[in-house]
């Protein structure tokens, strides 16, 4: 059972929404998982979904699941592209992974309208600008 699992503190793992120019010269937004640790993350599972209210109506996106066998030390992987049309709802990324056979788990939620130009910073690992959630 879930209550019997000891979930340890997640450190050195972040999720970022970053923008870059695509091959057509257009701005393309993507979500990335960053591993700032000196060791790899094994069997990484990321479940993503969007939810919230728009004009008094409940809005939900599909739940997408992504699996990465390993995310190397001090590297990143692209989780998925993201449409700016859903920046006004909650965008949740539930990340689970193993280190030396022990499970780690954390939910990263970009709250409505937090993915904006004003909140963007330089993300050195990605060499892009974006919004970082740690």
N, C-alpha and C. Protein backbone atom coordinates (compact mmCIF):
# COMPACT_ATOMS: atom_id res chain seq x y z
N UNK A 1 0.82 -1.17 0.00
CA UNK A 1 0.00 0.00 0.00
C UNK A 1 0.87 1.25 0.00
N UNK A 2 0.31 2.33 -0.52
CA UNK A 2 1.06 3.58 -0.61
C UNK A 2 1.50 4.08 0.76
N UNK A 3 0.67 3.88 1.80
CA UNK A 3 1.02 4.36 3.13
C UNK A 3 2.22 3.63 3.71
N UNK A 4 2.54 2.47 3.17
CA UNK A 4 3.66 1.67 3.65
C UNK A 4 4.98 2.03 2.96
N UNK A 5 4.92 2.88 1.95
CA UNK A 5 6.12 3.26 1.21
C UNK A 5 6.71 4.52 1.84
N UNK A 6 7.99 4.50 2.11
CA UNK A 6 8.69 5.66 2.66
C UNK A 6 9.16 6.54 1.49
N UNK A 7 8.45 7.65 1.28
CA UNK A 7 8.82 8.58 0.22
C UNK A 7 9.82 9.58 0.79
N UNK A 8 11.04 9.53 0.31
CA UNK A 8 12.08 10.44 0.79
C UNK A 8 11.99 11.79 0.10
N UNK A 9 12.67 12.77 0.67
CA UNK A 9 12.67 14.14 0.16
C UNK A 9 13.35 14.21 -1.21
N UNK A 10 12.67 14.85 -2.15
CA UNK A 10 13.22 15.03 -3.49
C UNK A 10 14.14 16.25 -3.49
N UNK A 11 15.37 16.06 -3.94
CA UNK A 11 16.32 17.15 -4.03
C UNK A 11 17.04 17.08 -5.38
N UNK A 12 17.33 18.25 -5.95
CA UNK A 12 18.11 18.30 -7.18
C UNK A 12 17.35 17.96 -8.44
N UNK A 13 16.02 17.86 -8.34
CA UNK A 13 15.19 17.54 -9.50
C UNK A 13 14.23 18.70 -9.71
N UNK A 14 14.11 19.16 -10.96
CA UNK A 14 13.25 20.30 -11.28
C UNK A 14 12.48 20.01 -12.57
N UNK A 15 11.41 20.76 -12.75
CA UNK A 15 10.65 20.74 -14.00
C UNK A 15 10.65 22.18 -14.52
N UNK A 16 10.88 22.33 -15.81
CA UNK A 16 10.91 23.66 -16.42
C UNK A 16 10.03 23.69 -17.66
N UNK A 17 9.40 24.83 -17.87
CA UNK A 17 8.69 25.10 -19.12
C UNK A 17 9.52 26.17 -19.81
N UNK A 18 10.08 25.82 -20.96
CA UNK A 18 11.00 26.73 -21.65
C UNK A 18 10.57 26.93 -23.10
N UNK A 19 11.02 28.05 -23.65
CA UNK A 19 10.66 28.41 -25.01
C UNK A 19 11.93 28.54 -25.85
N UNK A 20 11.82 28.09 -27.08
CA UNK A 20 12.92 28.22 -28.04
C UNK A 20 12.30 28.36 -29.43
N UNK A 21 13.10 28.82 -30.36
CA UNK A 21 12.63 28.91 -31.74
C UNK A 21 12.71 27.55 -32.39
N UNK A 22 11.65 27.16 -33.10
CA UNK A 22 11.69 25.89 -33.82
C UNK A 22 12.26 26.10 -35.22
N UNK A 23 12.26 25.06 -36.03
CA UNK A 23 12.86 25.12 -37.36
C UNK A 23 12.12 26.07 -38.31
N UNK A 24 10.90 26.48 -37.93
CA UNK A 24 10.12 27.40 -38.76
C UNK A 24 10.22 28.84 -38.27
N UNK A 25 11.08 29.08 -37.27
CA UNK A 25 11.24 30.42 -36.72
C UNK A 25 10.14 30.83 -35.78
N UNK A 26 9.32 29.87 -35.33
CA UNK A 26 8.23 30.16 -34.41
C UNK A 26 8.65 29.78 -32.98
N UNK A 27 8.01 30.42 -32.01
CA UNK A 27 8.28 30.08 -30.61
C UNK A 27 7.61 28.73 -30.28
N UNK A 28 8.40 27.82 -29.75
CA UNK A 28 7.88 26.50 -29.37
C UNK A 28 8.14 26.29 -27.87
N UNK A 29 7.10 25.94 -27.14
CA UNK A 29 7.19 25.71 -25.70
C UNK A 29 7.30 24.22 -25.43
N UNK A 30 8.20 23.84 -24.52
CA UNK A 30 8.37 22.45 -24.14
C UNK A 30 8.57 22.35 -22.63
N UNK A 31 8.26 21.18 -22.09
CA UNK A 31 8.44 20.90 -20.67
C UNK A 31 9.63 19.96 -20.54
N UNK A 32 10.51 20.25 -19.58
CA UNK A 32 11.74 19.48 -19.38
C UNK A 32 11.85 19.02 -17.93
N UNK A 33 12.47 17.86 -17.76
CA UNK A 33 12.84 17.36 -16.44
C UNK A 33 14.34 17.52 -16.31
N UNK A 34 14.79 18.21 -15.25
CA UNK A 34 16.21 18.48 -15.04
C UNK A 34 16.70 17.69 -13.83
N UNK A 35 17.81 17.01 -14.00
CA UNK A 35 18.46 16.29 -12.90
C UNK A 35 19.76 17.02 -12.57
N UNK A 36 19.77 17.79 -11.50
CA UNK A 36 20.95 18.54 -11.08
C UNK A 36 21.85 17.73 -10.14
N UNK A 37 21.53 16.49 -9.91
CA UNK A 37 22.29 15.64 -8.99
C UNK A 37 23.52 15.05 -9.67
N UNK A 38 24.43 14.54 -8.85
CA UNK A 38 25.65 13.92 -9.37
C UNK A 38 25.47 12.43 -9.63
N UNK A 39 24.22 11.97 -9.65
CA UNK A 39 23.91 10.57 -9.89
C UNK A 39 22.67 10.49 -10.79
N UNK A 40 22.51 9.37 -11.51
CA UNK A 40 21.36 9.25 -12.41
C UNK A 40 20.07 8.92 -11.67
N UNK A 41 18.95 9.19 -12.33
CA UNK A 41 17.63 8.80 -11.85
C UNK A 41 17.18 7.62 -12.71
N UNK A 42 16.71 6.56 -12.08
CA UNK A 42 16.30 5.36 -12.82
C UNK A 42 14.78 5.23 -12.86
N UNK A 43 14.30 4.59 -13.93
CA UNK A 43 12.88 4.29 -14.11
C UNK A 43 12.00 5.50 -13.77
N UNK A 44 12.21 6.57 -14.49
CA UNK A 44 11.50 7.82 -14.23
C UNK A 44 10.13 7.78 -14.91
N UNK A 45 9.09 8.04 -14.14
CA UNK A 45 7.73 8.11 -14.65
C UNK A 45 7.20 9.51 -14.39
N UNK A 46 6.68 10.16 -15.44
CA UNK A 46 6.10 11.49 -15.31
C UNK A 46 4.66 11.41 -15.81
N UNK A 47 3.71 11.79 -14.95
CA UNK A 47 2.31 11.88 -15.34
C UNK A 47 1.96 13.36 -15.40
N UNK A 48 1.43 13.80 -16.53
CA UNK A 48 1.10 15.21 -16.69
C UNK A 48 -0.39 15.37 -16.96
N UNK A 49 -0.93 16.48 -16.42
CA UNK A 49 -2.33 16.81 -16.68
C UNK A 49 -2.56 18.29 -16.41
N UNK A 50 -3.59 18.81 -17.02
CA UNK A 50 -4.00 20.18 -16.78
C UNK A 50 -5.42 20.19 -16.24
N UNK A 51 -5.71 21.15 -15.36
CA UNK A 51 -7.05 21.25 -14.79
C UNK A 51 -7.28 22.66 -14.25
N UNK A 52 -8.54 23.04 -14.18
CA UNK A 52 -8.88 24.36 -13.64
C UNK A 52 -10.25 24.79 -14.11
N UNK A 53 -10.51 26.09 -14.01
CA UNK A 53 -11.79 26.66 -14.42
C UNK A 53 -11.56 27.79 -15.42
N UNK A 54 -12.40 27.81 -16.44
CA UNK A 54 -12.38 28.88 -17.42
C UNK A 54 -13.82 29.35 -17.60
N UNK A 55 -14.05 30.62 -17.33
CA UNK A 55 -15.39 31.20 -17.43
C UNK A 55 -16.43 30.39 -16.65
N UNK A 56 -16.05 29.94 -15.46
CA UNK A 56 -16.97 29.19 -14.61
C UNK A 56 -17.14 27.73 -14.99
N UNK A 57 -16.49 27.29 -16.05
CA UNK A 57 -16.59 25.90 -16.51
C UNK A 57 -15.34 25.12 -16.10
N UNK A 58 -15.51 23.90 -15.62
CA UNK A 58 -14.37 23.05 -15.28
C UNK A 58 -13.69 22.57 -16.55
N UNK A 59 -12.36 22.66 -16.55
CA UNK A 59 -11.57 22.25 -17.72
C UNK A 59 -10.55 21.21 -17.26
N UNK A 60 -10.43 20.13 -18.02
CA UNK A 60 -9.43 19.09 -17.75
C UNK A 60 -8.79 18.66 -19.06
N UNK A 61 -7.49 18.41 -19.02
CA UNK A 61 -6.82 17.85 -20.18
C UNK A 61 -6.68 16.35 -19.97
N UNK A 62 -6.25 15.66 -20.97
CA UNK A 62 -5.96 14.23 -20.84
C UNK A 62 -4.75 14.06 -19.93
N UNK A 63 -4.69 12.90 -19.27
CA UNK A 63 -3.50 12.57 -18.48
C UNK A 63 -2.54 11.86 -19.43
N UNK A 64 -1.31 12.38 -19.49
CA UNK A 64 -0.28 11.76 -20.32
C UNK A 64 0.78 11.17 -19.41
N UNK A 65 1.30 10.01 -19.77
CA UNK A 65 2.35 9.38 -18.97
C UNK A 65 3.58 9.19 -19.85
N UNK A 66 4.72 9.51 -19.26
CA UNK A 66 5.99 9.41 -19.97
C UNK A 66 6.96 8.59 -19.12
N UNK A 67 7.70 7.70 -19.76
CA UNK A 67 8.64 6.84 -19.05
C UNK A 67 10.04 7.07 -19.64
N UNK A 68 11.00 7.24 -18.75
CA UNK A 68 12.41 7.39 -19.14
C UNK A 68 13.20 6.36 -18.34
N UNK A 69 13.89 5.48 -19.04
CA UNK A 69 14.65 4.43 -18.36
C UNK A 69 15.67 5.03 -17.40
N UNK A 70 16.32 6.10 -17.85
CA UNK A 70 17.30 6.76 -16.99
C UNK A 70 17.48 8.21 -17.42
N UNK A 71 17.63 9.09 -16.43
CA UNK A 71 17.99 10.48 -16.68
C UNK A 71 19.35 10.65 -16.03
N UNK A 72 20.36 10.85 -16.85
CA UNK A 72 21.73 10.91 -16.38
C UNK A 72 22.00 12.04 -15.40
N UNK A 73 23.12 11.94 -14.72
CA UNK A 73 23.55 12.98 -13.78
C UNK A 73 23.76 14.29 -14.51
N UNK A 74 23.27 15.35 -13.93
CA UNK A 74 23.42 16.72 -14.47
C UNK A 74 23.00 16.82 -15.95
N UNK A 75 21.88 16.17 -16.27
CA UNK A 75 21.32 16.25 -17.63
C UNK A 75 19.83 16.54 -17.54
N UNK A 76 19.21 16.61 -18.70
CA UNK A 76 17.77 16.85 -18.75
C UNK A 76 17.16 16.04 -19.88
N UNK A 77 15.84 15.86 -19.81
CA UNK A 77 15.09 15.23 -20.89
C UNK A 77 13.86 16.09 -21.18
N UNK A 78 13.44 16.09 -22.42
CA UNK A 78 12.21 16.77 -22.79
C UNK A 78 11.06 15.85 -22.45
N UNK A 79 10.11 16.35 -21.66
CA UNK A 79 8.95 15.55 -21.29
C UNK A 79 7.92 15.59 -22.41
N UNK A 80 7.53 16.82 -22.80
CA UNK A 80 6.49 16.98 -23.82
C UNK A 80 6.42 18.43 -24.28
N UNK A 81 5.86 18.66 -25.47
CA UNK A 81 5.55 20.04 -25.86
C UNK A 81 4.32 20.50 -25.07
N UNK A 82 4.17 21.81 -24.90
CA UNK A 82 3.01 22.35 -24.20
C UNK A 82 2.46 23.53 -24.98
N UNK A 83 1.14 23.61 -25.07
CA UNK A 83 0.46 24.67 -25.80
C UNK A 83 0.21 25.86 -24.87
N UNK A 84 0.63 27.05 -25.25
CA UNK A 84 0.38 28.24 -24.41
C UNK A 84 -1.11 28.47 -24.10
N UNK A 85 -1.99 27.87 -24.86
CA UNK A 85 -3.43 28.03 -24.61
C UNK A 85 -3.85 27.44 -23.26
N UNK A 86 -3.02 26.57 -22.66
CA UNK A 86 -3.38 25.99 -21.36
C UNK A 86 -2.56 26.59 -20.21
N UNK A 87 -1.85 27.67 -20.45
CA UNK A 87 -1.09 28.31 -19.38
C UNK A 87 -2.01 28.93 -18.32
N UNK A 88 -3.28 29.14 -18.63
CA UNK A 88 -4.22 29.77 -17.70
C UNK A 88 -4.90 28.77 -16.77
N UNK A 89 -4.51 27.49 -16.83
CA UNK A 89 -5.01 26.48 -15.89
C UNK A 89 -3.80 25.87 -15.18
N UNK A 90 -4.06 25.06 -14.16
CA UNK A 90 -2.99 24.34 -13.47
C UNK A 90 -2.39 23.32 -14.41
N UNK A 91 -1.06 23.25 -14.45
CA UNK A 91 -0.36 22.24 -15.24
C UNK A 91 0.50 21.45 -14.27
N UNK A 92 0.12 20.17 -14.08
CA UNK A 92 0.72 19.33 -13.05
C UNK A 92 1.61 18.25 -13.67
N UNK A 93 2.77 18.07 -13.05
CA UNK A 93 3.72 17.03 -13.47
C UNK A 93 4.10 16.24 -12.23
N UNK A 94 3.63 14.99 -12.18
CA UNK A 94 3.91 14.13 -11.04
C UNK A 94 5.08 13.24 -11.44
N UNK A 95 6.20 13.41 -10.76
CA UNK A 95 7.45 12.73 -11.12
C UNK A 95 7.79 11.68 -10.07
N UNK A 96 8.04 10.46 -10.51
CA UNK A 96 8.48 9.37 -9.63
C UNK A 96 9.72 8.74 -10.26
N UNK A 97 10.67 8.35 -9.41
CA UNK A 97 11.90 7.74 -9.91
C UNK A 97 12.58 6.96 -8.80
N UNK A 98 13.60 6.20 -9.17
CA UNK A 98 14.36 5.40 -8.21
C UNK A 98 15.81 5.85 -8.19
N UNK A 99 16.39 5.81 -6.97
CA UNK A 99 17.82 5.98 -6.78
C UNK A 99 18.25 4.84 -5.88
N UNK A 100 19.15 4.00 -6.37
CA UNK A 100 19.62 2.83 -5.62
C UNK A 100 18.47 2.00 -5.06
N UNK A 101 17.43 1.79 -5.87
CA UNK A 101 16.32 0.94 -5.48
C UNK A 101 15.30 1.59 -4.55
N UNK A 102 15.49 2.86 -4.21
CA UNK A 102 14.56 3.57 -3.34
C UNK A 102 13.73 4.54 -4.18
N UNK A 103 12.41 4.57 -3.92
CA UNK A 103 11.52 5.39 -4.73
C UNK A 103 11.44 6.82 -4.18
N UNK A 104 11.36 7.77 -5.12
CA UNK A 104 11.19 9.18 -4.80
C UNK A 104 10.02 9.69 -5.63
N UNK A 105 9.30 10.68 -5.10
CA UNK A 105 8.06 11.09 -5.71
C UNK A 105 7.81 12.56 -5.39
N UNK A 106 7.45 13.37 -6.40
CA UNK A 106 7.12 14.77 -6.15
C UNK A 106 6.17 15.28 -7.23
N UNK A 107 5.24 16.12 -6.79
CA UNK A 107 4.29 16.75 -7.70
C UNK A 107 4.72 18.21 -7.92
N UNK A 108 4.88 18.59 -9.18
CA UNK A 108 5.22 19.95 -9.57
C UNK A 108 3.99 20.55 -10.24
N UNK A 109 3.46 21.65 -9.70
CA UNK A 109 2.26 22.28 -10.27
C UNK A 109 2.58 23.72 -10.65
N UNK A 110 2.42 24.01 -11.94
CA UNK A 110 2.51 25.38 -12.43
C UNK A 110 1.10 25.94 -12.32
N UNK A 111 0.89 26.85 -11.38
CA UNK A 111 -0.44 27.39 -11.15
C UNK A 111 -0.86 28.29 -12.31
N UNK A 112 -2.16 28.58 -12.43
CA UNK A 112 -2.63 29.39 -13.56
C UNK A 112 -1.86 30.70 -13.72
N UNK A 113 -1.52 30.98 -14.94
CA UNK A 113 -0.83 32.22 -15.34
C UNK A 113 0.53 32.42 -14.68
N UNK A 114 1.18 31.34 -14.25
CA UNK A 114 2.55 31.44 -13.72
C UNK A 114 3.59 31.31 -14.83
N UNK A 115 3.18 30.76 -15.96
CA UNK A 115 4.09 30.63 -17.10
C UNK A 115 3.91 31.88 -17.95
N UNK A 116 4.70 32.91 -17.60
CA UNK A 116 4.61 34.20 -18.28
C UNK A 116 6.01 34.72 -18.55
N UNK A 117 6.11 35.69 -19.42
CA UNK A 117 7.39 36.33 -19.74
C UNK A 117 8.03 36.92 -18.48
N UNK A 118 7.21 37.49 -17.58
CA UNK A 118 7.72 38.12 -16.37
C UNK A 118 8.38 37.11 -15.42
N UNK A 119 7.96 35.87 -15.47
CA UNK A 119 8.50 34.84 -14.58
C UNK A 119 9.64 34.03 -15.20
N UNK A 120 10.01 34.36 -16.43
CA UNK A 120 11.06 33.60 -17.10
C UNK A 120 12.44 33.99 -16.60
N UNK A 121 13.31 32.99 -16.49
CA UNK A 121 14.70 33.19 -16.10
C UNK A 121 15.58 32.43 -17.09
N UNK A 122 16.88 32.68 -17.05
CA UNK A 122 17.82 31.90 -17.84
C UNK A 122 18.04 30.58 -17.12
N UNK A 123 17.83 29.49 -17.84
CA UNK A 123 18.05 28.16 -17.28
C UNK A 123 19.31 27.62 -17.94
N UNK A 124 20.42 27.67 -17.21
CA UNK A 124 21.73 27.38 -17.79
C UNK A 124 21.82 25.96 -18.35
N UNK A 125 21.25 24.98 -17.66
CA UNK A 125 21.34 23.61 -18.15
C UNK A 125 20.69 23.47 -19.52
N UNK A 126 19.58 24.16 -19.73
CA UNK A 126 18.87 24.09 -21.01
C UNK A 126 19.42 25.07 -22.04
N UNK A 127 20.12 26.09 -21.57
CA UNK A 127 20.57 27.19 -22.41
C UNK A 127 19.37 27.83 -23.12
N UNK A 128 18.30 28.01 -22.32
CA UNK A 128 17.05 28.62 -22.78
C UNK A 128 16.47 29.46 -21.66
N UNK A 129 15.47 30.23 -22.00
CA UNK A 129 14.71 30.95 -21.00
C UNK A 129 13.42 30.19 -20.72
N UNK A 130 13.01 30.22 -19.45
CA UNK A 130 11.78 29.52 -19.10
C UNK A 130 11.41 29.75 -17.65
N UNK A 131 10.39 29.04 -17.23
CA UNK A 131 9.91 29.09 -15.86
C UNK A 131 10.32 27.79 -15.19
N UNK A 132 11.03 27.91 -14.08
CA UNK A 132 11.61 26.76 -13.38
C UNK A 132 10.84 26.48 -12.11
N UNK A 133 10.50 25.21 -11.89
CA UNK A 133 9.80 24.76 -10.68
C UNK A 133 10.66 23.72 -10.00
N UNK A 134 11.09 24.01 -8.76
CA UNK A 134 11.95 23.05 -8.04
C UNK A 134 11.24 22.48 -6.83
